[in-house]
PDB file of all heavy atoms in Angstrom:
ATOM      1  N   THR A   1      12.518 -51.352 -19.541  1.00  0.00           N
ATOM      2  CA  THR A   1      11.406 -50.600 -20.141  1.00  0.00           C
ATOM      3  C   THR A   1      11.036 -51.203 -21.506  1.00  0.00           C
ATOM      4  O   THR A   1      11.107 -50.528 -22.535  1.00  0.00           O
ATOM      5  CB  THR A   1      11.767 -49.108 -20.301  1.00  0.00           C
ATOM      6  OG1 THR A   1      12.995 -48.997 -21.068  1.00  0.00           O
ATOM      7  CG2 THR A   1      11.972 -48.453 -18.945  1.00  0.00           C
ATOM      8  N   PRO A   2      10.619 -52.458 -21.539  1.00  0.00           N
ATOM      9  CA  PRO A   2      10.395 -53.122 -22.831  1.00  0.00           C
ATOM     10  C   PRO A   2       9.264 -52.517 -23.651  1.00  0.00           C
ATOM     11  O   PRO A   2       9.310 -52.535 -24.887  1.00  0.00           O
ATOM     12  CB  PRO A   2      10.075 -54.568 -22.430  1.00  0.00           C
ATOM     13  CG  PRO A   2       9.561 -54.471 -21.022  1.00  0.00           C
ATOM     14  CD  PRO A   2      10.355 -53.373 -20.396  1.00  0.00           C
ATOM     15  N   ASN A   3       8.240 -52.005 -22.998  1.00  0.00           N
ATOM     16  CA  ASN A   3       7.098 -51.482 -23.750  1.00  0.00           C
ATOM     17  C   ASN A   3       7.431 -50.168 -24.453  1.00  0.00           C
ATOM     18  O   ASN A   3       7.099 -49.989 -25.637  1.00  0.00           O
ATOM     19  CB  ASN A   3       5.907 -51.304 -22.804  1.00  0.00           C
ATOM     20  CG  ASN A   3       5.450 -52.629 -22.232  1.00  0.00           C
ATOM     21  OD1 ASN A   3       4.970 -53.496 -22.946  1.00  0.00           O
ATOM     22  ND2 ASN A   3       5.641 -52.802 -20.927  1.00  0.00           N
ATOM     23  N   LEU A   4       8.086 -49.262 -23.749  1.00  0.00           N
ATOM     24  CA  LEU A   4       8.497 -48.014 -24.388  1.00  0.00           C
ATOM     25  C   LEU A   4       9.601 -48.255 -25.403  1.00  0.00           C
ATOM     26  O   LEU A   4       9.652 -47.597 -26.448  1.00  0.00           O
ATOM     27  CB  LEU A   4       8.924 -47.002 -23.328  1.00  0.00           C
ATOM     28  CG  LEU A   4       7.751 -46.380 -22.558  1.00  0.00           C
ATOM     29  CD1 LEU A   4       8.222 -45.698 -21.284  1.00  0.00           C
ATOM     30  CD2 LEU A   4       6.974 -45.402 -23.439  1.00  0.00           C
ATOM     31  N   ASP A   5      10.478 -49.201 -25.139  1.00  0.00           N
ATOM     32  CA  ASP A   5      11.519 -49.534 -26.110  1.00  0.00           C
ATOM     33  C   ASP A   5      10.898 -50.086 -27.394  1.00  0.00           C
ATOM     34  O   ASP A   5      11.326 -49.741 -28.507  1.00  0.00           O
ATOM     35  CB  ASP A   5      12.495 -50.553 -25.519  1.00  0.00           C
ATOM     36  CG  ASP A   5      13.279 -50.012 -24.328  1.00  0.00           C
ATOM     37  OD1 ASP A   5      13.259 -48.783 -24.121  1.00  0.00           O
ATOM     38  OD2 ASP A   5      13.878 -50.824 -23.608  1.00  0.00           O
ATOM     39  N   GLN A   6       9.887 -50.936 -27.247  1.00  0.00           N
ATOM     40  CA  GLN A   6       9.218 -51.470 -28.433  1.00  0.00           C
ATOM     41  C   GLN A   6       8.482 -50.365 -29.182  1.00  0.00           C
ATOM     42  O   GLN A   6       8.489 -50.325 -30.426  1.00  0.00           O
ATOM     43  CB  GLN A   6       8.241 -52.575 -28.044  1.00  0.00           C
ATOM     44  CG  GLN A   6       7.520 -53.186 -29.247  1.00  0.00           C
ATOM     45  CD  GLN A   6       6.621 -54.345 -28.870  1.00  0.00           C
ATOM     46  OE1 GLN A   6       6.722 -54.889 -27.775  1.00  0.00           O
ATOM     47  NE2 GLN A   6       5.735 -54.732 -29.774  1.00  0.00           N
ATOM     48  N   LEU A   7       7.847 -49.455 -28.426  1.00  0.00           N
ATOM     49  CA  LEU A   7       7.160 -48.334 -29.059  1.00  0.00           C
ATOM     50  C   LEU A   7       8.143 -47.500 -29.875  1.00  0.00           C
ATOM     51  O   LEU A   7       7.851 -47.089 -31.009  1.00  0.00           O
ATOM     52  CB  LEU A   7       6.479 -47.477 -27.994  1.00  0.00           C
ATOM     53  CG  LEU A   7       5.533 -46.392 -28.501  1.00  0.00           C
ATOM     54  CD1 LEU A   7       4.260 -47.003 -29.060  1.00  0.00           C
ATOM     55  CD2 LEU A   7       5.209 -45.402 -27.376  1.00  0.00           C
ATOM     56  N   ALA A   8       9.320 -47.259 -29.317  1.00  0.00           N
ATOM     57  CA  ALA A   8      10.349 -46.507 -30.037  1.00  0.00           C
ATOM     58  C   ALA A   8      10.805 -47.266 -31.278  1.00  0.00           C
ATOM     59  O   ALA A   8      11.064 -46.668 -32.332  1.00  0.00           O
ATOM     60  CB  ALA A   8      11.532 -46.225 -29.116  1.00  0.00           C
ATOM     61  N   GLY A   9      10.911 -48.581 -31.155  1.00  0.00           N
ATOM     62  CA  GLY A   9      11.328 -49.384 -32.288  1.00  0.00           C
ATOM     63  C   GLY A   9      10.308 -49.407 -33.416  1.00  0.00           C
ATOM     64  O   GLY A   9      10.667 -49.475 -34.592  1.00  0.00           O
ATOM     65  N   GLU A  10       9.019 -49.328 -33.061  1.00  0.00           N
ATOM     66  CA  GLU A  10       7.960 -49.302 -34.061  1.00  0.00           C
ATOM     67  C   GLU A  10       7.753 -47.905 -34.638  1.00  0.00           C
ATOM     68  O   GLU A  10       7.148 -47.760 -35.711  1.00  0.00           O
ATOM     69  CB  GLU A  10       6.643 -49.776 -33.446  1.00  0.00           C
ATOM     70  CG  GLU A  10       6.620 -51.228 -33.031  1.00  0.00           C
ATOM     71  CD  GLU A  10       5.297 -51.624 -32.396  1.00  0.00           C
ATOM     72  OE1 GLU A  10       4.409 -50.749 -32.295  1.00  0.00           O
ATOM     73  OE2 GLU A  10       5.159 -52.789 -31.997  1.00  0.00           O
ATOM     74  N   GLY A  11       8.206 -46.889 -33.896  1.00  0.00           N
ATOM     75  CA  GLY A  11       7.966 -45.518 -34.308  1.00  0.00           C
ATOM     76  C   GLY A  11       9.254 -44.775 -34.602  1.00  0.00           C
ATOM     77  O   GLY A  11      10.208 -45.334 -35.154  1.00  0.00           O
ATOM     78  N   ARG A  12       9.293 -43.505 -34.242  1.00  0.00           N
ATOM     79  CA  ARG A  12      10.480 -42.671 -34.410  1.00  0.00           C
ATOM     80  C   ARG A  12      10.849 -42.086 -33.055  1.00  0.00           C
ATOM     81  O   ARG A  12       9.979 -41.616 -32.304  1.00  0.00           O
ATOM     82  CB  ARG A  12      10.211 -41.516 -35.380  1.00  0.00           C
ATOM     83  CG  ARG A  12       9.785 -41.925 -36.777  1.00  0.00           C
ATOM     84  CD  ARG A  12      10.907 -42.410 -37.653  1.00  0.00           C
ATOM     85  NE  ARG A  12      11.971 -41.448 -37.873  1.00  0.00           N
ATOM     86  CZ  ARG A  12      11.954 -40.475 -38.808  1.00  0.00           C
ATOM     87  NH1 ARG A  12      10.880 -40.313 -39.572  1.00  0.00           N
ATOM     88  NH2 ARG A  12      12.991 -39.668 -38.955  1.00  0.00           N
ATOM     89  N   ARG A  13      12.124 -42.102 -32.744  1.00  0.00           N
ATOM     90  CA  ARG A  13      12.614 -41.410 -31.558  1.00  0.00           C
ATOM     91  C   ARG A  13      12.825 -39.940 -31.889  1.00  0.00           C
ATOM     92  O   ARG A  13      13.570 -39.615 -32.817  1.00  0.00           O
ATOM     93  CB  ARG A  13      13.919 -42.032 -31.071  1.00  0.00           C
ATOM     94  CG  ARG A  13      13.753 -43.295 -30.288  1.00  0.00           C
ATOM     95  CD  ARG A  13      15.058 -43.822 -29.761  1.00  0.00           C
ATOM     96  NE  ARG A  13      16.002 -44.123 -30.838  1.00  0.00           N
ATOM     97  CZ  ARG A  13      17.145 -44.773 -30.681  1.00  0.00           C
ATOM     98  NH1 ARG A  13      17.507 -45.174 -29.479  1.00  0.00           N
ATOM     99  NH2 ARG A  13      17.939 -45.017 -31.698  1.00  0.00           N
ATOM    100  N   LEU A  14      12.173 -39.076 -31.146  1.00  0.00           N
ATOM    101  CA  LEU A  14      12.381 -37.628 -31.283  1.00  0.00           C
ATOM    102  C   LEU A  14      13.557 -37.273 -30.389  1.00  0.00           C
ATOM    103  O   LEU A  14      13.412 -37.042 -29.189  1.00  0.00           O
ATOM    104  CB  LEU A  14      11.118 -36.874 -30.883  1.00  0.00           C
ATOM    105  CG  LEU A  14       9.832 -37.286 -31.604  1.00  0.00           C
ATOM    106  CD1 LEU A  14       8.635 -36.510 -31.053  1.00  0.00           C
ATOM    107  CD2 LEU A  14       9.950 -37.093 -33.112  1.00  0.00           C
ATOM    108  N   THR A  15      14.745 -37.234 -30.949  1.00  0.00           N
ATOM    109  CA  THR A  15      15.963 -37.106 -30.146  1.00  0.00           C
ATOM    110  C   THR A  15      16.282 -35.668 -29.777  1.00  0.00           C
ATOM    111  O   THR A  15      17.173 -35.427 -28.979  1.00  0.00           O
ATOM    112  CB  THR A  15      17.162 -37.708 -30.895  1.00  0.00           C
ATOM    113  OG1 THR A  15      17.364 -36.996 -32.120  1.00  0.00           O
ATOM    114  CG2 THR A  15      16.922 -39.180 -31.197  1.00  0.00           C
ATOM    115  N   ASN A  16      15.567 -34.711 -30.379  1.00  0.00           N
ATOM    116  CA  ASN A  16      15.824 -33.303 -30.083  1.00  0.00           C
ATOM    117  C   ASN A  16      14.523 -32.627 -29.675  1.00  0.00           C
ATOM    118  O   ASN A  16      14.226 -31.514 -30.102  1.00  0.00           O
ATOM    119  CB  ASN A  16      16.435 -32.611 -31.300  1.00  0.00           C
ATOM    120  CG  ASN A  16      17.306 -31.428 -30.912  1.00  0.00           C
ATOM    121  OD1 ASN A  16      17.259 -30.947 -29.775  1.00  0.00           O
ATOM    122  ND2 ASN A  16      18.086 -30.932 -31.853  1.00  0.00           N
ATOM    123  N   LEU A  17      13.748 -33.322 -28.833  1.00  0.00           N
ATOM    124  CA  LEU A  17      12.497 -32.773 -28.311  1.00  0.00           C
ATOM    125  C   LEU A  17      12.810 -31.837 -27.157  1.00  0.00           C
ATOM    126  O   LEU A  17      13.413 -32.227 -26.163  1.00  0.00           O
ATOM    127  CB  LEU A  17      11.580 -33.900 -27.848  1.00  0.00           C
ATOM    128  CG  LEU A  17      10.285 -33.486 -27.150  1.00  0.00           C
ATOM    129  CD1 LEU A  17       9.419 -32.614 -28.055  1.00  0.00           C
ATOM    130  CD2 LEU A  17       9.510 -34.712 -26.687  1.00  0.00           C
ATOM    131  N   ARG A  18      12.353 -30.596 -27.288  1.00  0.00           N
ATOM    132  CA  ARG A  18      12.671 -29.558 -26.315  1.00  0.00           C
ATOM    133  C   ARG A  18      11.419 -29.196 -25.523  1.00  0.00           C
ATOM    134  O   ARG A  18      10.381 -28.815 -26.094  1.00  0.00           O
ATOM    135  CB  ARG A  18      13.256 -28.324 -27.008  1.00  0.00           C
ATOM    136  CG  ARG A  18      14.367 -28.677 -27.989  1.00  0.00           C
ATOM    137  CD  ARG A  18      15.118 -27.477 -28.471  1.00  0.00           C
ATOM    138  NE  ARG A  18      15.923 -26.900 -27.408  1.00  0.00           N
ATOM    139  CZ  ARG A  18      17.097 -27.373 -27.017  1.00  0.00           C
ATOM    140  NH1 ARG A  18      17.599 -28.457 -27.575  1.00  0.00           N
ATOM    141  NH2 ARG A  18      17.772 -26.785 -26.055  1.00  0.00           N
ATOM    142  N   VAL A  19      11.521 -29.318 -24.212  1.00  0.00           N
ATOM    143  CA  VAL A  19      10.439 -28.968 -23.305  1.00  0.00           C
ATOM    144  C   VAL A  19      10.870 -27.750 -22.500  1.00  0.00           C
ATOM    145  O   VAL A  19      11.929 -27.163 -22.746  1.00  0.00           O
ATOM    146  CB  VAL A  19      10.093 -30.169 -22.397  1.00  0.00           C
ATOM    147  CG1 VAL A  19       9.479 -31.286 -23.224  1.00  0.00           C
ATOM    148  CG2 VAL A  19      11.319 -30.689 -21.650  1.00  0.00           C
ATOM    149  N   ASN A  20      10.069 -27.346 -21.531  1.00  0.00           N
ATOM    150  CA  ASN A  20      10.433 -26.229 -20.675  1.00  0.00           C
ATOM    151  C   ASN A  20      11.111 -26.758 -19.407  1.00  0.00           C
ATOM    152  O   ASN A  20      11.028 -27.951 -19.114  1.00  0.00           O
ATOM    153  CB  ASN A  20       9.200 -25.391 -20.360  1.00  0.00           C
ATOM    154  CG  ASN A  20       8.587 -24.811 -21.625  1.00  0.00           C
ATOM    155  OD1 ASN A  20       9.299 -24.533 -22.597  1.00  0.00           O
ATOM    156  ND2 ASN A  20       7.277 -24.639 -21.642  1.00  0.00           N
ATOM    157  N   PRO A  21      11.793 -25.898 -18.639  1.00  0.00           N
ATOM    158  CA  PRO A  21      12.638 -26.406 -17.548  1.00  0.00           C
ATOM    159  C   PRO A  21      11.903 -27.088 -16.401  1.00  0.00           C
ATOM    160  O   PRO A  21      12.520 -27.841 -15.648  1.00  0.00           O
ATOM    161  CB  PRO A  21      13.380 -25.154 -17.058  1.00  0.00           C
ATOM    162  CG  PRO A  21      13.405 -24.241 -18.239  1.00  0.00           C
ATOM    163  CD  PRO A  21      12.078 -24.468 -18.903  1.00  0.00           C
ATOM    164  N   THR A  22      10.609 -26.810 -16.217  1.00  0.00           N
ATOM    165  CA  THR A  22       9.840 -27.510 -15.184  1.00  0.00           C
ATOM    166  C   THR A  22       8.451 -27.866 -15.707  1.00  0.00           C
ATOM    167  O   THR A  22       8.060 -27.502 -16.812  1.00  0.00           O
ATOM    168  CB  THR A  22       9.701 -26.699 -13.878  1.00  0.00           C
ATOM    169  OG1 THR A  22       8.945 -25.519 -14.136  1.00  0.00           O
ATOM    170  CG2 THR A  22      11.048 -26.340 -13.286  1.00  0.00           C
ATOM    171  N   CYS A  23       7.697 -28.510 -14.831  1.00  0.00           N
ATOM    172  CA  CYS A  23       6.488 -29.242 -15.197  1.00  0.00           C
ATOM    173  C   CYS A  23       5.339 -28.386 -15.714  1.00  0.00           C
ATOM    174  O   CYS A  23       4.879 -28.567 -16.844  1.00  0.00           O
ATOM    175  CB  CYS A  23       6.039 -30.061 -13.998  1.00  0.00           C
ATOM    176  SG  CYS A  23       6.077 -29.127 -12.432  1.00  0.00           S
ATOM    177  N   SER A  24       4.800 -27.478 -14.901  1.00  0.00           N
ATOM    178  CA  SER A  24       3.612 -26.736 -15.318  1.00  0.00           C
ATOM    179  C   SER A  24       3.879 -25.794 -16.496  1.00  0.00           C
ATOM    180  O   SER A  24       3.005 -25.654 -17.359  1.00  0.00           O
ATOM    181  CB  SER A  24       2.986 -25.988 -14.135  1.00  0.00           C
ATOM    182  OG  SER A  24       3.929 -25.189 -13.462  1.00  0.00           O
ATOM    183  N   PRO A  25       5.038 -25.131 -16.599  1.00  0.00           N
ATOM    184  CA  PRO A  25       5.305 -24.373 -17.827  1.00  0.00           C
ATOM    185  C   PRO A  25       5.289 -25.248 -19.078  1.00  0.00           C
ATOM    186  O   PRO A  25       4.785 -24.830 -20.131  1.00  0.00           O
ATOM    187  CB  PRO A  25       6.684 -23.764 -17.565  1.00  0.00           C
ATOM    188  CG  PRO A  25       6.739 -23.604 -16.078  1.00  0.00           C
ATOM    189  CD  PRO A  25       6.051 -24.836 -15.553  1.00  0.00           C
ATOM    190  N   THR A  26       5.814 -26.471 -18.976  1.00  0.00           N
ATOM    191  CA  THR A  26       5.739 -27.380 -20.122  1.00  0.00           C
ATOM    192  C   THR A  26       4.296 -27.700 -20.466  1.00  0.00           C
ATOM    193  O   THR A  26       3.895 -27.691 -21.638  1.00  0.00           O
ATOM    194  CB  THR A  26       6.521 -28.673 -19.823  1.00  0.00           C
ATOM    195  OG1 THR A  26       7.926 -28.386 -19.853  1.00  0.00           O
ATOM    196  CG2 THR A  26       6.219 -29.759 -20.849  1.00  0.00           C
ATOM    197  N   ARG A  27       3.492 -27.992 -19.462  1.00  0.00           N
ATOM    198  CA  ARG A  27       2.088 -28.305 -19.716  1.00  0.00           C
ATOM    199  C   ARG A  27       1.346 -27.124 -20.331  1.00  0.00           C
ATOM    200  O   ARG A  27       0.466 -27.297 -21.182  1.00  0.00           O
ATOM    201  CB  ARG A  27       1.420 -28.752 -18.418  1.00  0.00           C
ATOM    202  CG  ARG A  27       1.813 -30.167 -18.002  1.00  0.00           C
ATOM    203  CD  ARG A  27       1.471 -30.469 -16.552  1.00  0.00           C
ATOM    204  NE  ARG A  27       1.614 -31.884 -16.250  1.00  0.00           N
ATOM    205  CZ  ARG A  27       2.779 -32.508 -16.062  1.00  0.00           C
ATOM    206  NH1 ARG A  27       3.909 -31.817 -16.147  1.00  0.00           N
ATOM    207  NH2 ARG A  27       2.826 -33.803 -15.799  1.00  0.00           N
ATOM    208  N   ALA A  28       1.672 -25.908 -19.907  1.00  0.00           N
ATOM    209  CA  ALA A  28       1.034 -24.724 -20.481  1.00  0.00           C
ATOM    210  C   ALA A  28       1.336 -24.607 -21.972  1.00  0.00           C
ATOM    211  O   ALA A  28       0.439 -24.326 -22.781  1.00  0.00           O
ATOM    212  CB  ALA A  28       1.488 -23.472 -19.742  1.00  0.00           C
ATOM    213  N   SER A  29       2.578 -24.839 -22.355  1.00  0.00           N
ATOM    214  CA  SER A  29       2.930 -24.783 -23.777  1.00  0.00           C
ATOM    215  C   SER A  29       2.311 -25.927 -24.553  1.00  0.00           C
ATOM    216  O   SER A  29       1.893 -25.768 -25.704  1.00  0.00           O
ATOM    217  CB  SER A  29       4.459 -24.813 -23.937  1.00  0.00           C
ATOM    218  OG  SER A  29       5.050 -23.648 -23.421  1.00  0.00           O
ATOM    219  N   LEU A  30       2.241 -27.095 -23.933  1.00  0.00           N
ATOM    220  CA  LEU A  30       1.656 -28.263 -24.585  1.00  0.00           C
ATOM    221  C   LEU A  30       0.184 -28.010 -24.922  1.00  0.00           C
ATOM    222  O   LEU A  30      -0.266 -28.277 -26.032  1.00  0.00           O
ATOM    223  CB  LEU A  30       1.805 -29.474 -23.662  1.00  0.00           C
ATOM    224  CG  LEU A  30       1.453 -30.865 -24.185  1.00  0.00           C
ATOM    225  CD1 LEU A  30       2.142 -31.919 -23.325  1.00  0.00           C
ATOM    226  CD2 LEU A  30      -0.041 -31.122 -24.190  1.00  0.00           C
ATOM    227  N   PHE A  31      -0.570 -27.494 -23.949  1.00  0.00           N
ATOM    228  CA  PHE A  31      -1.997 -27.290 -24.164  1.00  0.00           C
ATOM    229  C   PHE A  31      -2.276 -26.121 -25.097  1.00  0.00           C
ATOM    230  O   PHE A  31      -3.179 -26.184 -25.929  1.00  0.00           O
ATOM    231  CB  PHE A  31      -2.705 -27.057 -22.827  1.00  0.00           C
ATOM    232  CG  PHE A  31      -3.130 -28.318 -22.155  1.00  0.00           C
ATOM    233  CD1 PHE A  31      -2.277 -28.995 -21.301  1.00  0.00           C
ATOM    234  CD2 PHE A  31      -4.383 -28.852 -22.383  1.00  0.00           C
ATOM    235  CE1 PHE A  31      -2.657 -30.178 -20.689  1.00  0.00           C
ATOM    236  CE2 PHE A  31      -4.780 -30.037 -21.776  1.00  0.00           C
ATOM    237  CZ  PHE A  31      -3.909 -30.701 -20.926  1.00  0.00           C
ATOM    238  N   SER A  32      -1.526 -25.039 -24.959  1.00  0.00           N
ATOM    239  CA  SER A  32      -1.833 -23.808 -25.693  1.00  0.00           C
ATOM    240  C   SER A  32      -1.169 -23.734 -27.051  1.00  0.00           C
ATOM    241  O   SER A  32      -1.613 -22.970 -27.918  1.00  0.00           O
ATOM    242  CB  SER A  32      -1.391 -22.594 -24.866  1.00  0.00           C
ATOM    243  OG  SER A  32       0.031 -22.552 -24.763  1.00  0.00           O
ATOM    244  N   GLY A  33      -0.080 -24.482 -27.243  1.00  0.00           N
ATOM    245  CA  GLY A  33       0.664 -24.384 -28.487  1.00  0.00           C
ATOM    246  C   GLY A  33       1.476 -23.118 -28.613  1.00  0.00           C
ATOM    247  O   GLY A  33       1.916 -22.750 -29.714  1.00  0.00           O
ATOM    248  N   THR A  34       1.732 -22.449 -27.480  1.00  0.00           N
ATOM    249  CA  THR A  34       2.504 -21.221 -27.528  1.00  0.00           C
ATOM    250  C   THR A  34       3.395 -21.104 -26.298  1.00  0.00           C
ATOM    251  O   THR A  34       3.473 -22.016 -25.465  1.00  0.00           O
ATOM    252  CB  THR A  34       1.577 -19.995 -27.662  1.00  0.00           C
ATOM    253  OG1 THR A  34       2.349 -18.851 -28.047  1.00  0.00           O
ATOM    254  CG2 THR A  34       0.839 -19.692 -26.365  1.00  0.00           C
ATOM    255  N   ASP A  35       4.079 -19.991 -26.153  1.00  0.00           N
ATOM    256  CA  ASP A  35       5.050 -19.812 -25.082  1.00  0.00           C
ATOM    257  C   ASP A  35       4.366 -19.726 -23.719  1.00  0.00           C
ATOM    258  O   ASP A  35       3.316 -19.090 -23.570  1.00  0.00           O
ATOM    259  CB  ASP A  35       5.865 -18.540 -25.334  1.00  0.00           C
ATOM    260  CG  ASP A  35       7.067 -18.442 -24.429  1.00  0.00           C
ATOM    261  OD1 ASP A  35       6.927 -17.926 -23.299  1.00  0.00           O
ATOM    262  OD2 ASP A  35       8.153 -18.897 -24.825  1.00  0.00           O
ATOM    263  N   HIS A  36       4.985 -20.350 -22.725  1.00  0.00           N
ATOM    264  CA  HIS A  36       4.374 -20.399 -21.393  1.00  0.00           C
ATOM    265  C   HIS A  36       4.310 -19.041 -20.724  1.00  0.00           C
ATOM    266  O   HIS A  36       3.474 -18.818 -19.841  1.00  0.00           O
ATOM    267  CB  HIS A  36       5.110 -21.406 -20.507  1.00  0.00           C
ATOM    268  CG  HIS A  36       6.548 -21.088 -20.225  1.00  0.00           C
ATOM    269  ND1 HIS A  36       6.967 -20.508 -19.052  1.00  0.00           N
ATOM    270  CD2 HIS A  36       7.675 -21.289 -20.956  1.00  0.00           C
ATOM    271  CE1 HIS A  36       8.287 -20.371 -19.058  1.00  0.00           C
ATOM    272  NE2 HIS A  36       8.740 -20.834 -20.206  1.00  0.00           N
ATOM    273  N   HIS A  37       5.170 -18.084 -21.122  1.00  0.00           N
ATOM    274  CA  HIS A  37       5.097 -16.735 -20.550  1.00  0.00           C
ATOM    275  C   HIS A  37       3.825 -16.009 -20.979  1.00  0.00           C
ATOM    276  O   HIS A  37       3.360 -15.097 -20.293  1.00  0.00           O
ATOM    277  CB  HIS A  37       6.307 -15.910 -20.973  1.00  0.00           C
ATOM    278  CG  HIS A  37       7.603 -16.399 -20.416  1.00  0.00           C
ATOM    279  ND1 HIS A  37       8.386 -17.324 -21.072  1.00  0.00           N
ATOM    280  CD2 HIS A  37       8.257 -16.110 -19.265  1.00  0.00           C
ATOM    281  CE1 HIS A  37       9.466 -17.576 -20.362  1.00  0.00           C
ATOM    282  NE2 HIS A  37       9.405 -16.866 -19.249  1.00  0.00           N
ATOM    283  N   LEU A  38       3.288 -16.375 -22.126  1.00  0.00           N
ATOM    284  CA  LEU A  38       2.026 -15.806 -22.577  1.00  0.00           C
ATOM    285  C   LEU A  38       0.832 -16.541 -21.993  1.00  0.00           C
ATOM    286  O   LEU A  38      -0.194 -15.938 -21.681  1.00  0.00           O
ATOM    287  CB  LEU A  38       1.952 -15.866 -24.107  1.00  0.00           C
ATOM    288  CG  LEU A  38       2.976 -15.034 -24.880  1.00  0.00           C
ATOM    289  CD1 LEU A  38       2.914 -15.376 -26.360  1.00  0.00           C
ATOM    290  CD2 LEU A  38       2.745 -13.540 -24.660  1.00  0.00           C
ATOM    291  N   ALA A  39       0.976 -17.856 -21.826  1.00  0.00           N
ATOM    292  CA  ALA A  39      -0.161 -18.719 -21.496  1.00  0.00           C
ATOM    293  C   ALA A  39      -0.503 -18.762 -20.014  1.00  0.00           C
ATOM    294  O   ALA A  39      -1.466 -19.426 -19.632  1.00  0.00           O
ATOM    295  CB  ALA A  39       0.109 -20.131 -22.004  1.00  0.00           C
TER     296      ALA A  39
END
């Protein structure tokens, strides 16, 4: 994965990034900026 590795090297690794347990709940929080149970 040289491209993502280089991106990480040029930037910052977010080592404690917390998402939701599955896909669409994560997307709901990403778009709305709030909890997926509300969104």
